[in-house]
Amino acid sequence: MGSFSIWHWLIVLLVVILIFGTKKLTNIGKDLGGAVKGFKDGMKDGTAPDEPAAPPQQVTANRVNDPNTVDVDAKTKS
């Protein structure tokens, strides 16, 4: 009573095919397969990098006299 027989699964499959149609089910299968393949490729590419990535360069405050730089704390509304 707890498990379905093969006939139950065939009836469910027939109902799904009648509702969605074979073309839509084929497209869903292709999209799902492409997503799984892309995920596997991404996991394979990201597991062992050849060299560690360089940390981003830190921004320094040596642009004090640049006319395009605005100090938000010093700017007051008049």
PDB file of N, CA and C in Angstrom:
ATOM      1  N   MET A   1       0.813  -1.181   0.000  1.00  0.00           N
ATOM      2  CA  MET A   1       0.000   0.000   0.000  1.00  0.00           C
ATOM      3  C   MET A   1       0.864   1.255   0.000  1.00  0.00           C
ATOM      4  N   GLY A   2       2.095   1.157   0.530  1.00  0.00           N
ATOM      5  CA  GLY A   2       2.962   2.330   0.621  1.00  0.00           C
ATOM      6  C   GLY A   2       3.697   2.649  -0.670  1.00  0.00           C
ATOM      7  N   SER A   3       3.892   1.681  -1.545  1.00  0.00           N
ATOM      8  CA  SER A   3       4.629   1.941  -2.777  1.00  0.00           C
ATOM      9  C   SER A   3       3.707   1.795  -3.978  1.00  0.00           C
ATOM     10  N   PHE A   4       4.086   2.480  -5.044  1.00  0.00           N
ATOM     11  CA  PHE A   4       3.293   2.424  -6.263  1.00  0.00           C
ATOM     12  C   PHE A   4       3.834   1.331  -7.174  1.00  0.00           C
ATOM     13  N   SER A   5       2.943   0.702  -7.902  1.00  0.00           N
ATOM     14  CA  SER A   5       3.365  -0.310  -8.861  1.00  0.00           C
ATOM     15  C   SER A   5       3.720   0.377 -10.176  1.00  0.00           C
ATOM     16  N   ILE A   6       4.203  -0.389 -11.122  1.00  0.00           N
ATOM     17  CA  ILE A   6       4.593   0.151 -12.425  1.00  0.00           C
ATOM     18  C   ILE A   6       3.385   0.738 -13.144  1.00  0.00           C
ATOM     19  N   TRP A   7       2.201   0.173 -12.919  1.00  0.00           N
ATOM     20  CA  TRP A   7       0.994   0.673 -13.581  1.00  0.00           C
ATOM     21  C   TRP A   7       0.612   2.059 -13.074  1.00  0.00           C
ATOM     22  N   HIS A   8       0.805   2.291 -11.798  1.00  0.00           N
ATOM     23  CA  HIS A   8       0.535   3.627 -11.260  1.00  0.00           C
ATOM     24  C   HIS A   8       1.456   4.661 -11.913  1.00  0.00           C
ATOM     25  N   TRP A   9       2.737   4.336 -12.032  1.00  0.00           N
ATOM     26  CA  TRP A   9       3.698   5.276 -12.618  1.00  0.00           C
ATOM     27  C   TRP A   9       3.422   5.500 -14.104  1.00  0.00           C
ATOM     28  N   LEU A  10       2.992   4.470 -14.825  1.00  0.00           N
ATOM     29  CA  LEU A  10       2.656   4.637 -16.238  1.00  0.00           C
ATOM     30  C   LEU A  10       1.436   5.544 -16.425  1.00  0.00           C
ATOM     31  N   ILE A  11       0.453   5.409 -15.543  1.00  0.00           N
ATOM     32  CA  ILE A  11      -0.723   6.280 -15.619  1.00  0.00           C
ATOM     33  C   ILE A  11      -0.334   7.724 -15.310  1.00  0.00           C
ATOM     34  N   VAL A  12       0.495   7.932 -14.313  1.00  0.00           N
ATOM     35  CA  VAL A  12       0.965   9.281 -13.988  1.00  0.00           C
ATOM     36  C   VAL A  12       1.749   9.865 -15.163  1.00  0.00           C
ATOM     37  N   LEU A  13       2.604   9.076 -15.785  1.00  0.00           N
ATOM     38  CA  LEU A  13       3.370   9.535 -16.950  1.00  0.00           C
ATOM     39  C   LEU A  13       2.446   9.893 -18.107  1.00  0.00           C
ATOM     40  N   LEU A  14       1.424   9.095 -18.348  1.00  0.00           N
ATOM     41  CA  LEU A  14       0.465   9.367 -19.415  1.00  0.00           C
ATOM     42  C   LEU A  14      -0.287  10.676 -19.157  1.00  0.00           C
ATOM     43  N   VAL A  15      -0.685  10.905 -17.920  1.00  0.00           N
ATOM     44  CA  VAL A  15      -1.389  12.150 -17.577  1.00  0.00           C
ATOM     45  C   VAL A  15      -0.475  13.355 -17.759  1.00  0.00           C
ATOM     46  N   VAL A  16       0.778  13.237 -17.350  1.00  0.00           N
ATOM     47  CA  VAL A  16       1.726  14.343 -17.513  1.00  0.00           C
ATOM     48  C   VAL A  16       1.950  14.640 -18.985  1.00  0.00           C
ATOM     49  N   ILE A  17       2.076  13.621 -19.803  1.00  0.00           N
ATOM     50  CA  ILE A  17       2.266  13.817 -21.248  1.00  0.00           C
ATOM     51  C   ILE A  17       1.029  14.474 -21.854  1.00  0.00           C
ATOM     52  N   LEU A  18      -0.149  14.067 -21.418  1.00  0.00           N
ATOM     53  CA  LEU A  18      -1.373  14.673 -21.940  1.00  0.00           C
ATOM     54  C   LEU A  18      -1.499  16.140 -21.527  1.00  0.00           C
ATOM     55  N   ILE A  19      -1.067  16.472 -20.338  1.00  0.00           N
ATOM     56  CA  ILE A  19      -1.185  17.859 -19.859  1.00  0.00           C
ATOM     57  C   ILE A  19      -0.149  18.757 -20.529  1.00  0.00           C
ATOM     58  N   PHE A  20       1.108  18.366 -20.508  1.00  0.00           N
ATOM     59  CA  PHE A  20       2.181  19.240 -20.985  1.00  0.00           C
ATOM     60  C   PHE A  20       2.519  19.041 -22.457  1.00  0.00           C
ATOM     61  N   GLY A  21       2.332  17.883 -22.996  1.00  0.00           N
ATOM     62  CA  GLY A  21       2.702  17.609 -24.379  1.00  0.00           C
ATOM     63  C   GLY A  21       4.158  17.189 -24.469  1.00  0.00           C
ATOM     64  N   THR A  22       4.479  16.449 -25.518  1.00  0.00           N
ATOM     65  CA  THR A  22       5.826  15.903 -25.642  1.00  0.00           C
ATOM     66  C   THR A  22       6.861  16.972 -25.980  1.00  0.00           C
ATOM     67  N   LYS A  23       6.469  17.982 -26.757  1.00  0.00           N
ATOM     68  CA  LYS A  23       7.436  19.022 -27.138  1.00  0.00           C
ATOM     69  C   LYS A  23       7.892  19.813 -25.916  1.00  0.00           C
ATOM     70  N   LYS A  24       6.957  20.186 -25.059  1.00  0.00           N
ATOM     71  CA  LYS A  24       7.315  20.957 -23.864  1.00  0.00           C
ATOM     72  C   LYS A  24       8.159  20.102 -22.916  1.00  0.00           C
ATOM     73  N   LEU A  25       7.824  18.831 -22.778  1.00  0.00           N
ATOM     74  CA  LEU A  25       8.609  17.950 -21.917  1.00  0.00           C
ATOM     75  C   LEU A  25      10.017  17.762 -22.470  1.00  0.00           C
ATOM     76  N   THR A  26      10.156  17.694 -23.798  1.00  0.00           N
ATOM     77  CA  THR A  26      11.482  17.582 -24.410  1.00  0.00           C
ATOM     78  C   THR A  26      12.302  18.831 -24.134  1.00  0.00           C
ATOM     79  N   ASN A  27      11.683  20.005 -24.265  1.00  0.00           N
ATOM     80  CA  ASN A  27      12.394  21.250 -23.988  1.00  0.00           C
ATOM     81  C   ASN A  27      12.802  21.352 -22.522  1.00  0.00           C
ATOM     82  N   ILE A  28      11.920  20.925 -21.633  1.00  0.00           N
ATOM     83  CA  ILE A  28      12.251  20.952 -20.207  1.00  0.00           C
ATOM     84  C   ILE A  28      13.418  20.011 -19.929  1.00  0.00           C
ATOM     85  N   GLY A  29      13.406  18.845 -20.545  1.00  0.00           N
ATOM     86  CA  GLY A  29      14.508  17.885 -20.362  1.00  0.00           C
ATOM     87  C   GLY A  29      15.826  18.422 -20.877  1.00  0.00           C
ATOM     88  N   LYS A  30      15.796  19.074 -22.044  1.00  0.00           N
ATOM     89  CA  LYS A  30      17.030  19.657 -22.593  1.00  0.00           C
ATOM     90  C   LYS A  30      17.551  20.776 -21.705  1.00  0.00           C
ATOM     91  N   ASP A  31      16.661  21.630 -21.223  1.00  0.00           N
ATOM     92  CA  ASP A  31      17.079  22.718 -20.345  1.00  0.00           C
ATOM     93  C   ASP A  31      17.664  22.189 -19.037  1.00  0.00           C
ATOM     94  N   LEU A  32      17.029  21.183 -18.483  1.00  0.00           N
ATOM     95  CA  LEU A  32      17.518  20.598 -17.233  1.00  0.00           C
ATOM     96  C   LEU A  32      18.870  19.925 -17.444  1.00  0.00           C
ATOM     97  N   GLY A  33      19.023  19.210 -18.558  1.00  0.00           N
ATOM     98  CA  GLY A  33      20.307  18.564 -18.859  1.00  0.00           C
ATOM     99  C   GLY A  33      21.410  19.585 -19.077  1.00  0.00           C
ATOM    100  N   GLY A  34      21.094  20.680 -19.769  1.00  0.00           N
ATOM    101  CA  GLY A  34      22.090  21.742 -19.973  1.00  0.00           C
ATOM    102  C   GLY A  34      22.493  22.401 -18.668  1.00  0.00           C
ATOM    103  N   ALA A  35      21.519  22.578 -17.772  1.00  0.00           N
ATOM    104  CA  ALA A  35      21.827  23.182 -16.474  1.00  0.00           C
ATOM    105  C   ALA A  35      22.724  22.265 -15.645  1.00  0.00           C
ATOM    106  N   VAL A  36      22.438  20.978 -15.660  1.00  0.00           N
ATOM    107  CA  VAL A  36      23.265  20.017 -14.908  1.00  0.00           C
ATOM    108  C   VAL A  36      24.673  19.969 -15.488  1.00  0.00           C
ATOM    109  N   LYS A  37      24.786  19.976 -16.819  1.00  0.00           N
ATOM    110  CA  LYS A  37      26.104  19.949 -17.455  1.00  0.00           C
ATOM    111  C   LYS A  37      26.888  21.217 -17.131  1.00  0.00           C
ATOM    112  N   GLY A  38      26.225  22.369 -17.180  1.00  0.00           N
ATOM    113  CA  GLY A  38      26.885  23.624 -16.832  1.00  0.00           C
ATOM    114  C   GLY A  38      27.341  23.642 -15.382  1.00  0.00           C
ATOM    115  N   PHE A  39      26.523  23.094 -14.489  1.00  0.00           N
ATOM    116  CA  PHE A  39      26.896  23.027 -13.080  1.00  0.00           C
ATOM    117  C   PHE A  39      28.113  22.135 -12.883  1.00  0.00           C
ATOM    118  N   LYS A  40      28.123  20.978 -13.549  1.00  0.00           N
ATOM    119  CA  LYS A  40      29.263  20.066 -13.418  1.00  0.00           C
ATOM    120  C   LYS A  40      30.537  20.699 -13.974  1.00  0.00           C
ATOM    121  N   ASP A  41      30.429  21.387 -15.122  1.00  0.00           N
ATOM    122  CA  ASP A  41      31.599  22.062 -15.686  1.00  0.00           C
ATOM    123  C   ASP A  41      32.100  23.162 -14.762  1.00  0.00           C
ATOM    124  N   GLY A  42      31.169  23.893 -14.163  1.00  0.00           N
ATOM    125  CA  GLY A  42      31.553  24.945 -13.229  1.00  0.00           C
ATOM    126  C   GLY A  42      32.237  24.399 -11.993  1.00  0.00           C
ATOM    127  N   MET A  43      31.749  23.274 -11.499  1.00  0.00           N
ATOM    128  CA  MET A  43      32.373  22.663 -10.321  1.00  0.00           C
ATOM    129  C   MET A  43      33.751  22.117 -10.675  1.00  0.00           C
ATOM    130  N   LYS A  44      33.889  21.578 -11.878  1.00  0.00           N
ATOM    131  CA  LYS A  44      35.182  21.030 -12.295  1.00  0.00           C
ATOM    132  C   LYS A  44      36.192  22.157 -12.481  1.00  0.00           C
ATOM    133  N   ASP A  45      35.769  23.267 -13.066  1.00  0.00           N
ATOM    134  CA  ASP A  45      36.674  24.393 -13.293  1.00  0.00           C
ATOM    135  C   ASP A  45      37.058  25.089 -12.003  1.00  0.00           C
ATOM    136  N   GLY A  46      36.183  25.098 -11.016  1.00  0.00           N
ATOM    137  CA  GLY A  46      36.446  25.842  -9.791  1.00  0.00           C
ATOM    138  C   GLY A  46      37.119  25.050  -8.697  1.00  0.00           C
ATOM    139  N   THR A  47      37.422  23.782  -8.907  1.00  0.00           N
ATOM    140  CA  THR A  47      37.957  22.984  -7.810  1.00  0.00           C
ATOM    141  C   THR A  47      39.446  23.199  -7.586  1.00  0.00           C
ATOM    142  N   ALA A  48      40.239  23.316  -8.641  1.00  0.00           N
ATOM    143  CA  ALA A  48      41.685  23.409  -8.470  1.00  0.00           C
ATOM    144  C   ALA A  48      42.256  24.551  -9.328  1.00  0.00           C
ATOM    145  N   PRO A  49      42.279  25.754  -8.793  1.00  0.00           N
ATOM    146  CA  PRO A  49      42.873  26.842  -9.577  1.00  0.00           C
ATOM    147  C   PRO A  49      44.387  26.666  -9.680  1.00  0.00           C
ATOM    148  N   ASP A  50      44.941  27.042 -10.835  1.00  0.00           N
ATOM    149  CA  ASP A  50      46.365  26.879 -11.056  1.00  0.00           C
ATOM    150  C   ASP A  50      47.197  27.803 -10.166  1.00  0.00           C
ATOM    151  N   GLU A  51      46.793  29.039 -10.068  1.00  0.00           N
ATOM    152  CA  GLU A  51      47.502  29.975  -9.198  1.00  0.00           C
ATOM    153  C   GLU A  51      46.469  30.792  -8.447  1.00  0.00           C
ATOM    154  N   PRO A  52      46.772  31.157  -7.226  1.00  0.00           N
ATOM    155  CA  PRO A  52      45.785  31.917  -6.457  1.00  0.00           C
ATOM    156  C   PRO A  52      45.588  33.309  -7.055  1.00  0.00           C
ATOM    157  N   ALA A  53      44.379  33.783  -6.948  1.00  0.00           N
ATOM    158  CA  ALA A  53      44.058  35.097  -7.495  1.00  0.00           C
ATOM    159  C   ALA A  53      44.702  36.181  -6.637  1.00  0.00           C
ATOM    160  N   ALA A  54      45.216  37.216  -7.298  1.00  0.00           N
ATOM    161  CA  ALA A  54      45.831  38.324  -6.576  1.00  0.00           C
ATOM    162  C   ALA A  54      44.744  39.131  -5.883  1.00  0.00           C
ATOM    163  N   PRO A  55      44.990  39.584  -4.669  1.00  0.00           N
ATOM    164  CA  PRO A  55      43.980  40.397  -3.987  1.00  0.00           C
ATOM    165  C   PRO A  55      43.817  41.734  -4.704  1.00  0.00           C
ATOM    166  N   PRO A  56      42.643  42.325  -4.652  1.00  0.00           N
ATOM    167  CA  PRO A  56      42.443  43.608  -5.322  1.00  0.00           C
ATOM    168  C   PRO A  56      43.313  44.691  -4.700  1.00  0.00           C
ATOM    169  N   GLN A  57      43.707  45.628  -5.536  1.00  0.00           N
ATOM    170  CA  GLN A  57      44.558  46.714  -5.063  1.00  0.00           C
ATOM    171  C   GLN A  57      43.769  47.618  -4.119  1.00  0.00           C
ATOM    172  N   GLN A  58      44.427  48.035  -3.062  1.00  0.00           N
ATOM    173  CA  GLN A  58      43.775  48.891  -2.084  1.00  0.00           C
ATOM    174  C   GLN A  58      43.842  50.339  -2.550  1.00  0.00           C
ATOM    175  N   VAL A  59      42.751  51.044  -2.389  1.00  0.00           N
ATOM    176  CA  VAL A  59      42.686  52.444  -2.793  1.00  0.00           C
ATOM    177  C   VAL A  59      43.334  53.280  -1.699  1.00  0.00           C
ATOM    178  N   THR A  60      44.234  54.136  -2.108  1.00  0.00           N
ATOM    179  CA  THR A  60      44.905  55.006  -1.134  1.00  0.00           C
ATOM    180  C   THR A  60      44.341  56.409  -1.234  1.00  0.00           C
ATOM    181  N   ALA A  61      44.554  57.199  -0.222  1.00  0.00           N
ATOM    182  CA  ALA A  61      44.004  58.555  -0.148  1.00  0.00           C
ATOM    183  C   ALA A  61      45.035  59.588  -0.571  1.00  0.00           C
ATOM    184  N   ASN A  62      45.680  59.425  -1.703  1.00  0.00           N
ATOM    185  CA  ASN A  62      46.661  60.403  -2.158  1.00  0.00           C
ATOM    186  C   ASN A  62      46.082  61.316  -3.234  1.00  0.00           C
ATOM    187  N   ARG A  63      44.766  61.404  -3.351  1.00  0.00           N
ATOM    188  CA  ARG A  63      44.129  62.302  -4.300  1.00  0.00           C
ATOM    189  C   ARG A  63      43.509  63.493  -3.573  1.00  0.00           C
ATOM    190  N   VAL A  64      44.184  64.058  -2.633  1.00  0.00           N
ATOM    191  CA  VAL A  64      43.624  65.118  -1.810  1.00  0.00           C
ATOM    192  C   VAL A  64      43.373  66.375  -2.630  1.00  0.00           C
ATOM    193  N   ASN A  65      44.252  66.739  -3.541  1.00  0.00           N
ATOM    194  CA  ASN A  65      44.124  67.974  -4.297  1.00  0.00           C
ATOM    195  C   ASN A  65      43.445  67.780  -5.649  1.00  0.00           C
ATOM    196  N   ASP A  66      42.845  66.654  -5.888  1.00  0.00           N
ATOM    197  CA  ASP A  66      42.163  66.403  -7.149  1.00  0.00           C
ATOM    198  C   ASP A  66      40.846  67.184  -7.154  1.00  0.00           C
ATOM    199  N   PRO A  67      40.589  68.036  -8.170  1.00  0.00           N
ATOM    200  CA  PRO A  67      39.359  68.833  -8.167  1.00  0.00           C
ATOM    201  C   PRO A  67      38.098  67.996  -8.369  1.00  0.00           C
ATOM    202  N   ASN A  68      38.225  66.782  -8.854  1.00  0.00           N
ATOM    203  CA  ASN A  68      37.051  65.929  -9.069  1.00  0.00           C
ATOM    204  C   ASN A  68      36.667  65.134  -7.834  1.00  0.00           C
ATOM    205  N   THR A  69      37.501  65.159  -6.805  1.00  0.00           N
ATOM    206  CA  THR A  69      37.231  64.410  -5.585  1.00  0.00           C
ATOM    207  C   THR A  69      36.436  65.286  -4.618  1.00  0.00           C
ATOM    208  N   VAL A  70      35.359  64.731  -4.091  1.00  0.00           N
ATOM    209  CA  VAL A  70      34.524  65.466  -3.137  1.00  0.00           C
ATOM    210  C   VAL A  70      34.561  64.718  -1.816  1.00  0.00           C
ATOM    211  N   ASP A  71      34.927  65.420  -0.769  1.00  0.00           N
ATOM    212  CA  ASP A  71      34.919  64.838   0.570  1.00  0.00           C
ATOM    213  C   ASP A  71      33.518  65.022   1.127  1.00  0.00           C
ATOM    214  N   VAL A  72      32.810  63.944   1.332  1.00  0.00           N
ATOM    215  CA  VAL A  72      31.414  64.014   1.721  1.00  0.00           C
ATOM    216  C   VAL A  72      31.263  64.632   3.098  1.00  0.00           C
ATOM    217  N   ASP A  73      32.163  64.334   4.009  1.00  0.00           N
ATOM    218  CA  ASP A  73      32.052  64.880   5.367  1.00  0.00           C
ATOM    219  C   ASP A  73      32.297  66.381   5.381  1.00  0.00           C
ATOM    220  N   ALA A  74      33.154  66.890   4.511  1.00  0.00           N
ATOM    221  CA  ALA A  74      33.496  68.313   4.533  1.00  0.00           C
ATOM    222  C   ALA A  74      32.485  69.157   3.741  1.00  0.00           C
ATOM    223  N   LYS A  75      31.725  68.543   2.873  1.00  0.00           N
ATOM    224  CA  LYS A  75      30.777  69.291   2.049  1.00  0.00           C
ATOM    225  C   LYS A  75      29.536  69.622   2.873  1.00  0.00           C
ATOM    226  N   THR A  76      29.225  70.916   2.936  1.00  0.00           N
ATOM    227  CA  THR A  76      28.043  71.350   3.674  1.00  0.00           C
ATOM    228  C   THR A  76      27.083  72.026   2.709  1.00  0.00           C
ATOM    229  N   LYS A  77      25.832  71.941   3.036  1.00  0.00           N
ATOM    230  CA  LYS A  77      24.814  72.541   2.187  1.00  0.00           C
ATOM    231  C   LYS A  77      24.600  73.980   2.653  1.00  0.00           C
ATOM    232  N   SER A  78      24.721  74.944   1.750  1.00  0.00           N
ATOM    233  CA  SER A  78      24.548  76.333   2.132  1.00  0.00           C
ATOM    234  C   SER A  78      23.294  76.899   1.528  1.00  0.00           C
TER     235      SER A  78
END
